[in-house]
Protein backbone atom coordinates (compact mmCIF):
# COMPACT_ATOMS: atom_id res chain seq x y z
CA MET A 1 10.41 52.98 11.15
CA VAL A 2 14.11 53.96 10.86
CA THR A 3 16.86 51.50 11.63
CA ILE A 4 20.49 52.48 12.02
CA VAL A 5 23.11 49.74 12.00
CA ILE A 6 26.83 50.49 12.59
CA ASN A 7 29.54 47.90 12.37
CA ARG A 8 32.32 48.19 15.01
CA ASP A 9 35.41 46.20 14.12
CA LYS A 10 38.30 46.36 16.54
CA GLY A 11 41.54 44.47 16.12
CA HIS A 12 43.83 43.86 19.08
CA GLY A 13 47.28 43.76 17.59
CA ASN A 14 49.85 40.94 17.94
CA ILE A 15 47.96 37.75 18.96
CA ASN A 16 44.69 39.13 20.27
CA SER A 17 41.85 38.44 17.78
CA GLY A 18 39.63 41.13 16.59
CA ARG A 19 35.97 41.45 17.53
CA VAL A 20 33.07 42.67 15.49
CA GLU A 21 30.21 44.37 17.24
CA TYR A 22 27.02 45.93 15.91
CA VAL A 23 25.29 49.00 17.31
CA ILE A 24 21.56 49.02 16.22
CA ILE A 25 19.31 51.88 16.98
CA THR A 26 15.64 51.72 15.85
CA LEU A 27 13.27 54.77 15.70
CA SER A 28 9.59 54.37 15.47
CA GLN A 29 8.14 57.17 13.44
CA LEU A 30 6.79 60.01 15.44
CA GLN A 31 3.04 60.04 15.92
CA LEU A 32 2.30 63.69 15.14
CA PRO A 33 -1.16 65.26 14.83
CA GLN A 34 -2.65 65.11 11.37
CA SER A 35 -2.93 68.41 9.62
CA SER A 36 -3.48 69.32 6.04
CA THR A 37 -1.60 72.51 6.29
CA HIS A 38 1.65 72.88 4.50
CA SER A 39 3.17 74.56 7.62
CA THR A 40 2.29 71.68 9.94
CA GLN A 41 3.57 69.10 7.50
CA SER A 42 6.85 70.99 7.06
CA ASP A 43 7.23 71.16 10.97
CA SER A 44 6.46 67.35 11.12
CA LEU A 45 9.14 66.60 8.56
CA THR A 46 11.71 68.85 10.25
CA VAL A 47 11.16 67.29 13.60
CA ARG A 48 11.57 63.70 12.15
CA ILE A 49 14.77 64.75 10.35
CA SER A 50 16.03 66.17 13.63
CA VAL A 51 15.31 63.03 15.60
CA ILE A 52 17.01 60.82 12.96
CA LEU A 53 20.15 63.07 12.91
CA SER A 54 20.24 62.84 16.78
CA ALA A 55 20.09 59.07 16.61
CA VAL A 56 22.98 59.02 14.21
CA LEU A 57 25.05 61.12 16.54
CA LEU A 58 24.08 58.90 19.49
CA ALA A 59 25.17 55.84 17.46
CA THR A 60 28.47 57.43 16.57
CA ALA A 61 29.00 58.23 20.33
CA VAL A 62 28.41 54.63 21.29
CA VAL A 63 30.87 53.37 18.68
CA ALA A 64 33.51 55.71 19.86
CA ALA A 65 33.22 54.84 23.51
CA PRO A 66 35.15 51.80 24.88
CA VAL A 67 33.11 48.56 24.88
CA GLU A 68 33.27 46.35 27.96
CA LYS A 69 33.04 42.54 27.49
CA SER A 70 33.33 39.73 29.85
CA LEU A 71 36.41 37.50 29.37
CA ASN A 72 36.30 34.35 31.54
CA GLY A 73 34.42 36.20 34.22
CA LYS A 74 36.54 39.34 34.08
CA ARG A 75 35.70 42.63 32.43
CA ALA A 76 37.63 44.07 29.52
CA THR A 77 37.62 47.25 27.55
CA ALA A 78 38.19 47.29 23.83
CA ASP A 79 42.02 47.54 24.16
CA ARG A 80 42.86 45.47 27.19
CA GLY A 81 41.63 42.62 29.44
CA SER A 82 42.42 39.12 30.65
CA TYR A 83 41.80 35.47 29.87
CA THR A 84 43.20 32.14 30.98
CA VAL A 85 46.09 30.35 29.22
CA SER A 86 46.62 26.73 30.23
CA GLY A 87 49.95 26.27 31.86
CA LEU A 88 50.77 29.91 32.14
CA GLY A 89 50.95 29.64 35.91
CA ASP A 90 53.87 27.34 35.71
CA ARG A 91 55.63 29.78 33.52
CA LYS A 92 55.02 32.65 35.91
CA LYS A 93 56.52 30.50 38.70
CA ALA A 94 59.53 29.75 36.55
CA VAL A 95 60.09 33.52 35.83
CA LEU A 96 59.93 34.22 39.67
CA ARG A 97 62.15 31.24 40.55
CA ASN A 98 64.81 32.52 38.05
CA GLY A 99 65.06 35.95 39.63
CA GLY A 100 62.20 37.71 37.88
CA ASN A 101 59.49 39.95 39.40
CA THR A 102 56.13 41.22 38.38
CA LEU A 103 57.61 43.86 36.11
CA THR A 104 59.65 41.33 34.16
CA MET A 105 56.57 39.06 34.16
CA ALA A 106 54.48 41.90 32.75
CA VAL A 107 57.01 42.49 29.94
CA ALA A 108 56.86 38.76 28.93
CA MET A 109 53.15 38.66 29.24
CA LEU A 110 52.76 41.56 26.80
CA GLU A 111 55.13 40.12 24.26
CA THR A 112 53.79 36.61 23.94
CA GLU A 113 50.75 34.76 24.98
CA LYS A 114 52.56 31.89 26.76
CA MET A 115 55.53 33.89 27.96
CA SER A 116 57.66 31.59 25.75
CA THR A 117 60.25 31.76 22.92
CA ASN A 118 57.93 29.92 20.65
CA TYR A 119 58.01 32.66 17.95
CA THR A 120 59.75 33.20 14.67
CA TYR A 121 63.45 33.15 15.14
CA GLY A 122 64.81 36.52 15.96
CA ASP A 123 61.05 37.71 15.84
CA GLY A 124 61.64 37.87 12.12
CA LYS A 125 64.47 40.39 12.48
CA SER A 126 68.25 40.13 12.19
CA GLY A 127 71.45 42.05 13.24
CA ASP A 128 71.02 44.35 16.23
CA SER A 129 67.20 44.24 15.71
CA GLY A 130 67.06 40.49 16.23
CA ASN A 131 64.94 39.59 19.34
CA PHE A 132 65.61 36.76 21.87
CA GLY A 133 64.18 35.26 24.98
CA ILE A 134 60.76 35.49 26.46
CA PHE A 135 61.10 39.31 26.70
CA LYS A 136 62.15 39.69 23.03
CA GLN A 137 65.22 41.54 24.03
CA ASN A 138 66.99 43.10 21.03
CA TRP A 139 70.61 42.16 20.27
CA LEU A 140 71.85 45.73 20.34
CA MET A 141 70.98 46.02 23.96
CA ILE A 142 71.86 42.41 24.84
CA ARG A 143 75.45 42.76 23.67
CA GLN A 144 75.94 46.12 25.51
CA ALA A 145 74.27 45.02 28.75
CA VAL A 146 76.61 42.14 29.83
CA PRO A 147 80.30 41.71 29.54
CA GLN A 148 79.91 38.27 28.01
CA TYR A 149 78.84 39.84 24.76
CA SER A 150 80.73 43.15 24.89
CA LYS A 151 83.15 42.23 22.06
CA TYR A 152 80.44 40.92 19.80
CA THR A 153 79.31 42.87 16.78
CA GLY A 154 75.77 43.30 15.26
CA ALA A 155 76.68 40.69 12.66
CA GLN A 156 77.17 38.08 15.41
CA TRP A 157 73.54 38.42 16.52
CA ASN A 158 72.87 34.61 16.46
CA ALA A 159 74.69 34.39 19.81
CA GLY A 160 71.61 35.90 21.42
CA ALA A 161 69.78 32.61 20.86
CA ALA A 162 71.40 31.50 24.09
CA LEU A 163 68.53 33.44 25.79
CA ASN A 164 65.93 31.29 24.10
CA SER A 165 66.91 28.12 26.00
CA ASN A 166 68.16 29.53 29.30
CA LEU A 167 65.44 31.44 31.29
CA SER A 168 67.83 32.31 34.07
CA TRP A 169 70.27 33.90 31.66
CA ASP A 170 67.43 35.69 29.85
CA VAL A 171 66.33 37.35 33.24
CA LYS A 172 69.86 38.10 34.15
CA VAL A 173 70.42 39.95 30.83
CA LEU A 174 67.15 41.79 31.15
CA LYS A 175 67.90 43.05 34.58
CA ALA A 176 71.44 44.04 33.50
CA ALA A 177 70.14 46.06 30.60
CA GLN A 178 67.59 47.77 32.92
CA SER A 179 70.32 48.64 35.35
CA LYS A 180 72.59 50.02 32.67
CA TRP A 181 70.15 52.34 31.09
CA GLY A 182 67.64 52.98 33.89
CA ILE A 183 64.13 51.76 33.51
CA ASP A 184 62.70 54.66 31.40
CA LEU A 185 65.55 54.50 28.75
CA TRP A 186 65.42 50.74 28.81
CA PHE A 187 61.84 50.83 27.88
CA ALA A 188 62.63 53.23 25.04
CA GLY A 189 65.51 51.01 23.69
CA HIS A 190 63.53 47.82 24.27
CA ARG A 191 60.68 49.08 22.22
CA ASN A 192 62.48 50.83 19.42
CA GLY A 193 66.08 49.77 19.59
CA GLU A 194 68.77 52.43 18.85
CA SER A 195 66.20 54.91 17.54
CA GLY A 196 64.50 54.53 20.94
CA LEU A 197 67.52 55.19 22.96
CA LEU A 198 68.15 58.37 20.84
CA ASN A 199 64.58 59.54 20.99
CA PRO A 200 62.92 58.05 24.14
CA ASN A 201 59.91 60.17 24.53
CA THR A 202 57.72 59.23 21.53
CA PRO A 203 54.02 58.51 22.03
CA ASP A 204 54.52 54.92 20.92
CA ILE A 205 57.23 54.23 23.58
CA LYS A 206 54.97 55.77 26.19
CA ARG A 207 52.00 53.60 25.03
CA TYR A 208 54.26 50.52 25.30
CA ARG A 209 55.59 51.49 28.77
CA ASP A 210 52.05 52.30 30.05
CA ALA A 211 50.86 48.84 28.74
CA VAL A 212 53.47 47.00 30.69
CA TYR A 213 52.73 48.96 33.94
CA TRP A 214 49.05 48.31 33.49
CA ILE A 215 49.65 44.64 33.23
CA LYS A 216 51.99 44.84 36.27
CA ALA A 217 49.35 46.56 38.28
CA GLN A 218 46.87 43.83 37.45
CA ILE A 219 49.30 41.21 38.55
CA ASP A 220 50.05 43.11 41.70
CA SER A 221 46.37 43.47 42.58
CA ASN A 222 45.99 39.91 43.75
CA PRO A 223 48.71 37.45 44.91
CA HIS A 224 46.96 34.71 42.92
CA TYR A 225 47.82 36.46 39.59
CA ARG A 226 51.58 35.79 40.21
CA THR A 227 51.07 32.06 39.91
CA ASP A 228 47.82 31.30 38.23
CA ASP A 229 46.89 30.88 34.52
CA THR A 230 45.53 34.40 34.05
CA ARG A 231 47.08 36.41 31.18
CA PHE A 232 46.57 40.14 31.14
CA TRP A 233 46.88 41.87 27.70
CA VAL A 234 46.91 45.29 26.20
CA SER A 235 46.47 46.10 22.61
CA VAL A 236 49.94 47.46 21.32
CA PRO A 237 50.89 47.44 17.67
CA ALA A 238 53.80 45.07 16.91
CA ILE A 239 56.89 46.70 15.30
């Protein structure tokens, strides 16, 4: 008997925990006619080796394919899915109540589990790279998007903390930035700051934008998702 065991370990970036899965394929030895001839024994060995190699290729294909798992009654592939977060529905309602929509909701949902500002101050960054609010907007775009910050410099980035405690202002700044740059260029700058604004068509920026739109599509697929505790996620590396 030949048993092939392959470990499949898939991390999910940011806050989504990794999963470890095992693909096990077992082969019973072939029952071939007994023969004392060297030729028949060689043929038998060749067939057995061929079958084992085929099994290895099959196992590799299984590992390479997306794995679907059930999360709280929903289906999820290896890089995206959904689960419930207690109290998230109230946060969604607050976003909508303060002028947001399902696109802004999707951005916040991708950035943090609870659509909150309960993360390391500035998201661990400073200057124009410092992030604020539930959308993790960078200070470079914040200070250029609204007149209230137009005279501020990168060194005055702490002023962006006002977005952390004022959801209405956070949403207004986000919408102002999207209006200033247009949605595609906004995605580029939001994902990668000044570098993104200068080079908006990288695969990483496209992956981030596609992830947000996938989450938005799930929210839009059922009115309940606008106000319930369901969080949709996509695996996108943090930068």
